[in-house]
Protein backbone atom coordinates (compact mmCIF):
# COMPACT_ATOMS: atom_id res chain seq x y z
CA UNK A 1 0.00 0.00 0.00
CA UNK A 2 1.29 3.45 -0.92
CA UNK A 3 2.14 5.65 2.05
CA UNK A 4 0.51 9.06 2.08
CA UNK A 5 1.97 12.42 3.03
CA UNK A 6 0.19 15.67 3.76
CA UNK A 7 2.27 18.77 3.03
CA UNK A 8 0.96 21.75 5.00
CA UNK A 9 2.78 24.82 3.72
CA UNK A 10 1.77 28.24 2.41
CA UNK A 11 4.97 28.99 0.48
CA UNK A 12 4.34 27.86 -3.15
CA UNK A 13 8.00 27.13 -3.96
CA UNK A 14 8.40 24.86 -0.94
CA UNK A 15 5.10 23.12 -1.76
CA UNK A 16 6.19 22.44 -5.34
CA UNK A 17 9.59 21.17 -4.28
CA UNK A 18 8.28 18.87 -1.53
CA UNK A 19 5.38 17.64 -3.65
CA UNK A 20 7.71 16.76 -6.52
CA UNK A 21 10.31 15.01 -4.35
CA UNK A 22 7.81 13.04 -2.27
CA UNK A 23 5.89 11.85 -5.35
CA UNK A 24 9.18 10.90 -6.99
CA UNK A 25 10.02 8.88 -3.85
CA UNK A 26 6.79 6.93 -4.39
CA UNK A 27 4.45 8.56 -1.90
CA UNK A 28 0.92 9.82 -2.41
CA UNK A 29 0.95 13.56 -1.68
CA UNK A 30 -1.85 15.92 -0.70
CA UNK A 31 -1.36 19.62 0.00
CA UNK A 32 -3.00 22.08 2.39
CA UNK A 33 -2.21 25.79 2.40
CA UNK A 34 -3.55 26.60 5.86
CA UNK A 35 -4.35 24.97 9.19
CA UNK A 36 -8.09 24.58 8.64
CA UNK A 37 -7.59 22.91 5.26
CA UNK A 38 -5.00 20.60 6.83
CA UNK A 39 -7.40 19.45 9.54
CA UNK A 40 -10.18 18.93 6.99
CA UNK A 41 -7.89 16.70 4.91
CA UNK A 42 -6.79 14.73 7.98
CA UNK A 43 -10.45 14.30 8.96
CA UNK A 44 -11.24 13.08 5.45
CA UNK A 45 -8.39 10.54 5.41
CA UNK A 46 -5.50 10.56 7.85
CA UNK A 47 -2.09 10.52 6.16
CA UNK A 48 0.83 8.40 7.33
CA UNK A 49 2.98 11.49 7.76
CA UNK A 50 2.48 15.26 7.86
CA UNK A 51 5.09 17.84 6.90
CA UNK A 52 3.66 20.76 8.85
CA UNK A 53 4.82 24.35 8.60
CA UNK A 54 4.42 26.25 11.87
CA UNK A 55 3.65 29.68 10.41
CA UNK A 56 0.58 29.09 8.24
CA UNK A 57 -2.70 31.03 7.93
CA UNK A 58 -5.92 30.45 9.91
CA UNK A 59 -4.52 27.98 12.48
CA UNK A 60 -0.79 27.74 13.04
CA UNK A 61 1.15 24.49 12.92
CA UNK A 62 1.38 24.21 16.70
CA UNK A 63 -2.43 24.38 16.93
CA UNK A 64 -2.88 21.86 14.11
CA UNK A 65 -0.39 19.50 15.75
CA UNK A 66 -2.11 19.76 19.12
CA UNK A 67 -5.56 19.20 17.54
CA UNK A 68 -4.34 16.08 15.72
CA UNK A 69 -2.75 14.70 18.89
CA UNK A 70 -5.99 15.27 20.84
CA UNK A 71 -7.75 12.71 18.60
CA UNK A 72 -6.79 9.11 19.42
CA UNK A 73 -7.78 8.00 15.89
CA UNK A 74 -4.76 9.93 14.60
CA UNK A 75 -2.19 8.82 17.18
CA UNK A 76 -0.11 6.97 14.56
CA UNK A 77 0.23 9.97 12.22
CA UNK A 78 3.90 10.99 12.17
CA UNK A 79 4.27 14.78 12.36
CA UNK A 80 7.37 16.69 11.27
CA UNK A 81 7.18 20.41 11.99
CA UNK A 82 8.93 22.60 9.43
CA UNK A 83 9.73 26.08 10.62
CA UNK A 84 11.94 29.11 10.47
CA UNK A 85 11.63 29.27 14.26
CA UNK A 86 14.93 27.70 15.23
CA UNK A 87 15.02 28.61 18.92
CA UNK A 88 15.21 25.72 21.36
CA UNK A 89 12.07 26.95 23.15
CA UNK A 90 10.09 26.65 19.88
CA UNK A 91 11.47 23.18 19.27
CA UNK A 92 10.54 22.10 22.79
CA UNK A 93 7.03 23.54 22.34
CA UNK A 94 6.57 21.58 19.10
CA UNK A 95 7.71 18.32 20.66
CA UNK A 96 5.60 18.97 23.78
CA UNK A 97 2.52 19.46 21.58
CA UNK A 98 3.10 16.07 19.99
CA UNK A 99 5.35 16.55 16.98
CA UNK A 100 7.62 13.58 16.29
CA UNK A 101 10.35 15.71 14.74
CA UNK A 102 11.27 19.34 14.17
CA UNK A 103 13.14 20.60 11.11
CA UNK A 104 14.26 24.22 10.81
CA UNK A 105 14.24 26.20 7.58
CA UNK A 106 16.15 26.46 5.41
CA UNK A 107 16.45 22.69 5.17
CA UNK A 108 17.84 20.32 2.59
CA UNK A 109 14.92 18.86 0.65
CA UNK A 110 17.09 15.85 -0.19
CA UNK A 111 17.83 15.18 3.50
CA UNK A 112 14.17 15.63 4.38
CA UNK A 113 13.12 13.20 1.64
CA UNK A 114 15.60 10.63 2.97
CA UNK A 115 14.29 11.12 6.51
CA UNK A 116 10.68 10.62 5.34
CA UNK A 117 11.64 7.47 3.41
CA UNK A 118 13.33 6.06 6.52
CA UNK A 119 10.37 6.86 8.78
CA UNK A 120 7.75 5.42 6.43
CA UNK A 121 9.70 2.28 5.66
CA UNK A 122 9.81 1.55 9.38
CA UNK A 123 13.52 2.10 9.69
C-alpha atoms as a PDB file:
ATOM      1  CA  UNK A   1       0.000   0.000   0.000  1.00  0.00           C
ATOM      2  CA  UNK A   2       1.294   3.452  -0.924  1.00  0.00           C
ATOM      3  CA  UNK A   3       2.139   5.648   2.051  1.00  0.00           C
ATOM      4  CA  UNK A   4       0.513   9.062   2.084  1.00  0.00           C
ATOM      5  CA  UNK A   5       1.970  12.419   3.026  1.00  0.00           C
ATOM      6  CA  UNK A   6       0.191  15.669   3.755  1.00  0.00           C
ATOM      7  CA  UNK A   7       2.268  18.767   3.028  1.00  0.00           C
ATOM      8  CA  UNK A   8       0.956  21.749   5.000  1.00  0.00           C
ATOM      9  CA  UNK A   9       2.779  24.817   3.716  1.00  0.00           C
ATOM     10  CA  UNK A  10       1.767  28.239   2.409  1.00  0.00           C
ATOM     11  CA  UNK A  11       4.966  28.993   0.482  1.00  0.00           C
ATOM     12  CA  UNK A  12       4.344  27.861  -3.149  1.00  0.00           C
ATOM     13  CA  UNK A  13       8.004  27.130  -3.962  1.00  0.00           C
ATOM     14  CA  UNK A  14       8.404  24.856  -0.945  1.00  0.00           C
ATOM     15  CA  UNK A  15       5.104  23.119  -1.758  1.00  0.00           C
ATOM     16  CA  UNK A  16       6.192  22.440  -5.344  1.00  0.00           C
ATOM     17  CA  UNK A  17       9.593  21.170  -4.277  1.00  0.00           C
ATOM     18  CA  UNK A  18       8.285  18.873  -1.533  1.00  0.00           C
ATOM     19  CA  UNK A  19       5.379  17.640  -3.654  1.00  0.00           C
ATOM     20  CA  UNK A  20       7.709  16.760  -6.517  1.00  0.00           C
ATOM     21  CA  UNK A  21      10.309  15.009  -4.352  1.00  0.00           C
ATOM     22  CA  UNK A  22       7.810  13.038  -2.268  1.00  0.00           C
ATOM     23  CA  UNK A  23       5.892  11.852  -5.354  1.00  0.00           C
ATOM     24  CA  UNK A  24       9.184  10.903  -6.991  1.00  0.00           C
ATOM     25  CA  UNK A  25      10.017   8.885  -3.852  1.00  0.00           C
ATOM     26  CA  UNK A  26       6.790   6.935  -4.393  1.00  0.00           C
ATOM     27  CA  UNK A  27       4.451   8.564  -1.900  1.00  0.00           C
ATOM     28  CA  UNK A  28       0.924   9.817  -2.410  1.00  0.00           C
ATOM     29  CA  UNK A  29       0.950  13.560  -1.682  1.00  0.00           C
ATOM     30  CA  UNK A  30      -1.851  15.916  -0.699  1.00  0.00           C
ATOM     31  CA  UNK A  31      -1.360  19.622   0.004  1.00  0.00           C
ATOM     32  CA  UNK A  32      -3.005  22.076   2.387  1.00  0.00           C
ATOM     33  CA  UNK A  33      -2.208  25.792   2.400  1.00  0.00           C
ATOM     34  CA  UNK A  34      -3.549  26.601   5.862  1.00  0.00           C
ATOM     35  CA  UNK A  35      -4.352  24.972   9.188  1.00  0.00           C
ATOM     36  CA  UNK A  36      -8.087  24.578   8.645  1.00  0.00           C
ATOM     37  CA  UNK A  37      -7.593  22.913   5.264  1.00  0.00           C
ATOM     38  CA  UNK A  38      -5.004  20.604   6.832  1.00  0.00           C
ATOM     39  CA  UNK A  39      -7.397  19.450   9.542  1.00  0.00           C
ATOM     40  CA  UNK A  40     -10.182  18.935   6.992  1.00  0.00           C
ATOM     41  CA  UNK A  41      -7.891  16.700   4.909  1.00  0.00           C
ATOM     42  CA  UNK A  42      -6.787  14.727   7.977  1.00  0.00           C
ATOM     43  CA  UNK A  43     -10.451  14.301   8.961  1.00  0.00           C
ATOM     44  CA  UNK A  44     -11.235  13.078   5.453  1.00  0.00           C
ATOM     45  CA  UNK A  45      -8.387  10.536   5.410  1.00  0.00           C
ATOM     46  CA  UNK A  46      -5.505  10.561   7.854  1.00  0.00           C
ATOM     47  CA  UNK A  47      -2.094  10.515   6.162  1.00  0.00           C
ATOM     48  CA  UNK A  48       0.832   8.403   7.330  1.00  0.00           C
ATOM     49  CA  UNK A  49       2.984  11.491   7.760  1.00  0.00           C
ATOM     50  CA  UNK A  50       2.481  15.258   7.858  1.00  0.00           C
ATOM     51  CA  UNK A  51       5.094  17.843   6.896  1.00  0.00           C
ATOM     52  CA  UNK A  52       3.661  20.764   8.853  1.00  0.00           C
ATOM     53  CA  UNK A  53       4.823  24.351   8.597  1.00  0.00           C
ATOM     54  CA  UNK A  54       4.421  26.253  11.867  1.00  0.00           C
ATOM     55  CA  UNK A  55       3.654  29.680  10.409  1.00  0.00           C
ATOM     56  CA  UNK A  56       0.582  29.087   8.239  1.00  0.00           C
ATOM     57  CA  UNK A  57      -2.704  31.033   7.928  1.00  0.00           C
ATOM     58  CA  UNK A  58      -5.920  30.445   9.911  1.00  0.00           C
ATOM     59  CA  UNK A  59      -4.519  27.979  12.478  1.00  0.00           C
ATOM     60  CA  UNK A  60      -0.787  27.739  13.044  1.00  0.00           C
ATOM     61  CA  UNK A  61       1.146  24.490  12.918  1.00  0.00           C
ATOM     62  CA  UNK A  62       1.379  24.209  16.701  1.00  0.00           C
ATOM     63  CA  UNK A  63      -2.432  24.385  16.933  1.00  0.00           C
ATOM     64  CA  UNK A  64      -2.884  21.865  14.105  1.00  0.00           C
ATOM     65  CA  UNK A  65      -0.391  19.496  15.749  1.00  0.00           C
ATOM     66  CA  UNK A  66      -2.113  19.763  19.125  1.00  0.00           C
ATOM     67  CA  UNK A  67      -5.559  19.197  17.545  1.00  0.00           C
ATOM     68  CA  UNK A  68      -4.340  16.081  15.721  1.00  0.00           C
ATOM     69  CA  UNK A  69      -2.752  14.703  18.894  1.00  0.00           C
ATOM     70  CA  UNK A  70      -5.994  15.271  20.842  1.00  0.00           C
ATOM     71  CA  UNK A  71      -7.749  12.707  18.601  1.00  0.00           C
ATOM     72  CA  UNK A  72      -6.791   9.107  19.419  1.00  0.00           C
ATOM     73  CA  UNK A  73      -7.777   8.005  15.886  1.00  0.00           C
ATOM     74  CA  UNK A  74      -4.762   9.934  14.605  1.00  0.00           C
ATOM     75  CA  UNK A  75      -2.194   8.817  17.183  1.00  0.00           C
ATOM     76  CA  UNK A  76      -0.115   6.970  14.559  1.00  0.00           C
ATOM     77  CA  UNK A  77       0.231   9.965  12.219  1.00  0.00           C
ATOM     78  CA  UNK A  78       3.896  10.989  12.173  1.00  0.00           C
ATOM     79  CA  UNK A  79       4.275  14.779  12.361  1.00  0.00           C
ATOM     80  CA  UNK A  80       7.369  16.688  11.266  1.00  0.00           C
ATOM     81  CA  UNK A  81       7.180  20.408  11.990  1.00  0.00           C
ATOM     82  CA  UNK A  82       8.932  22.595   9.428  1.00  0.00           C
ATOM     83  CA  UNK A  83       9.728  26.079  10.620  1.00  0.00           C
ATOM     84  CA  UNK A  84      11.942  29.111  10.474  1.00  0.00           C
ATOM     85  CA  UNK A  85      11.627  29.270  14.263  1.00  0.00           C
ATOM     86  CA  UNK A  86      14.928  27.699  15.235  1.00  0.00           C
ATOM     87  CA  UNK A  87      15.022  28.606  18.917  1.00  0.00           C
ATOM     88  CA  UNK A  88      15.213  25.718  21.364  1.00  0.00           C
ATOM     89  CA  UNK A  89      12.072  26.947  23.149  1.00  0.00           C
ATOM     90  CA  UNK A  90      10.085  26.651  19.881  1.00  0.00           C
ATOM     91  CA  UNK A  91      11.468  23.184  19.267  1.00  0.00           C
ATOM     92  CA  UNK A  92      10.537  22.100  22.789  1.00  0.00           C
ATOM     93  CA  UNK A  93       7.027  23.539  22.336  1.00  0.00           C
ATOM     94  CA  UNK A  94       6.566  21.585  19.100  1.00  0.00           C
ATOM     95  CA  UNK A  95       7.712  18.321  20.659  1.00  0.00           C
ATOM     96  CA  UNK A  96       5.598  18.968  23.777  1.00  0.00           C
ATOM     97  CA  UNK A  97       2.517  19.457  21.581  1.00  0.00           C
ATOM     98  CA  UNK A  98       3.097  16.069  19.988  1.00  0.00           C
ATOM     99  CA  UNK A  99       5.354  16.552  16.977  1.00  0.00           C
ATOM    100  CA  UNK A 100       7.618  13.578  16.290  1.00  0.00           C
ATOM    101  CA  UNK A 101      10.345  15.708  14.742  1.00  0.00           C
ATOM    102  CA  UNK A 102      11.274  19.344  14.169  1.00  0.00           C
ATOM    103  CA  UNK A 103      13.143  20.602  11.109  1.00  0.00           C
ATOM    104  CA  UNK A 104      14.256  24.221  10.814  1.00  0.00           C
ATOM    105  CA  UNK A 105      14.241  26.197   7.575  1.00  0.00           C
ATOM    106  CA  UNK A 106      16.149  26.461   5.409  1.00  0.00           C
ATOM    107  CA  UNK A 107      16.445  22.686   5.168  1.00  0.00           C
ATOM    108  CA  UNK A 108      17.843  20.316   2.591  1.00  0.00           C
ATOM    109  CA  UNK A 109      14.915  18.863   0.646  1.00  0.00           C
ATOM    110  CA  UNK A 110      17.093  15.849  -0.186  1.00  0.00           C
ATOM    111  CA  UNK A 111      17.828  15.183   3.497  1.00  0.00           C
ATOM    112  CA  UNK A 112      14.165  15.629   4.381  1.00  0.00           C
ATOM    113  CA  UNK A 113      13.118  13.201   1.637  1.00  0.00           C
ATOM    114  CA  UNK A 114      15.597  10.626   2.965  1.00  0.00           C
ATOM    115  CA  UNK A 115      14.294  11.119   6.505  1.00  0.00           C
ATOM    116  CA  UNK A 116      10.684  10.617   5.345  1.00  0.00           C
ATOM    117  CA  UNK A 117      11.638   7.467   3.413  1.00  0.00           C
ATOM    118  CA  UNK A 118      13.331   6.058   6.521  1.00  0.00           C
ATOM    119  CA  UNK A 119      10.365   6.858   8.776  1.00  0.00           C
ATOM    120  CA  UNK A 120       7.747   5.423   6.431  1.00  0.00           C
ATOM    121  CA  UNK A 121       9.704   2.285   5.656  1.00  0.00           C
ATOM    122  CA  UNK A 122       9.813   1.554   9.384  1.00  0.00           C
ATOM    123  CA  UNK A 123      13.522   2.105   9.689  1.00  0.00           C
END
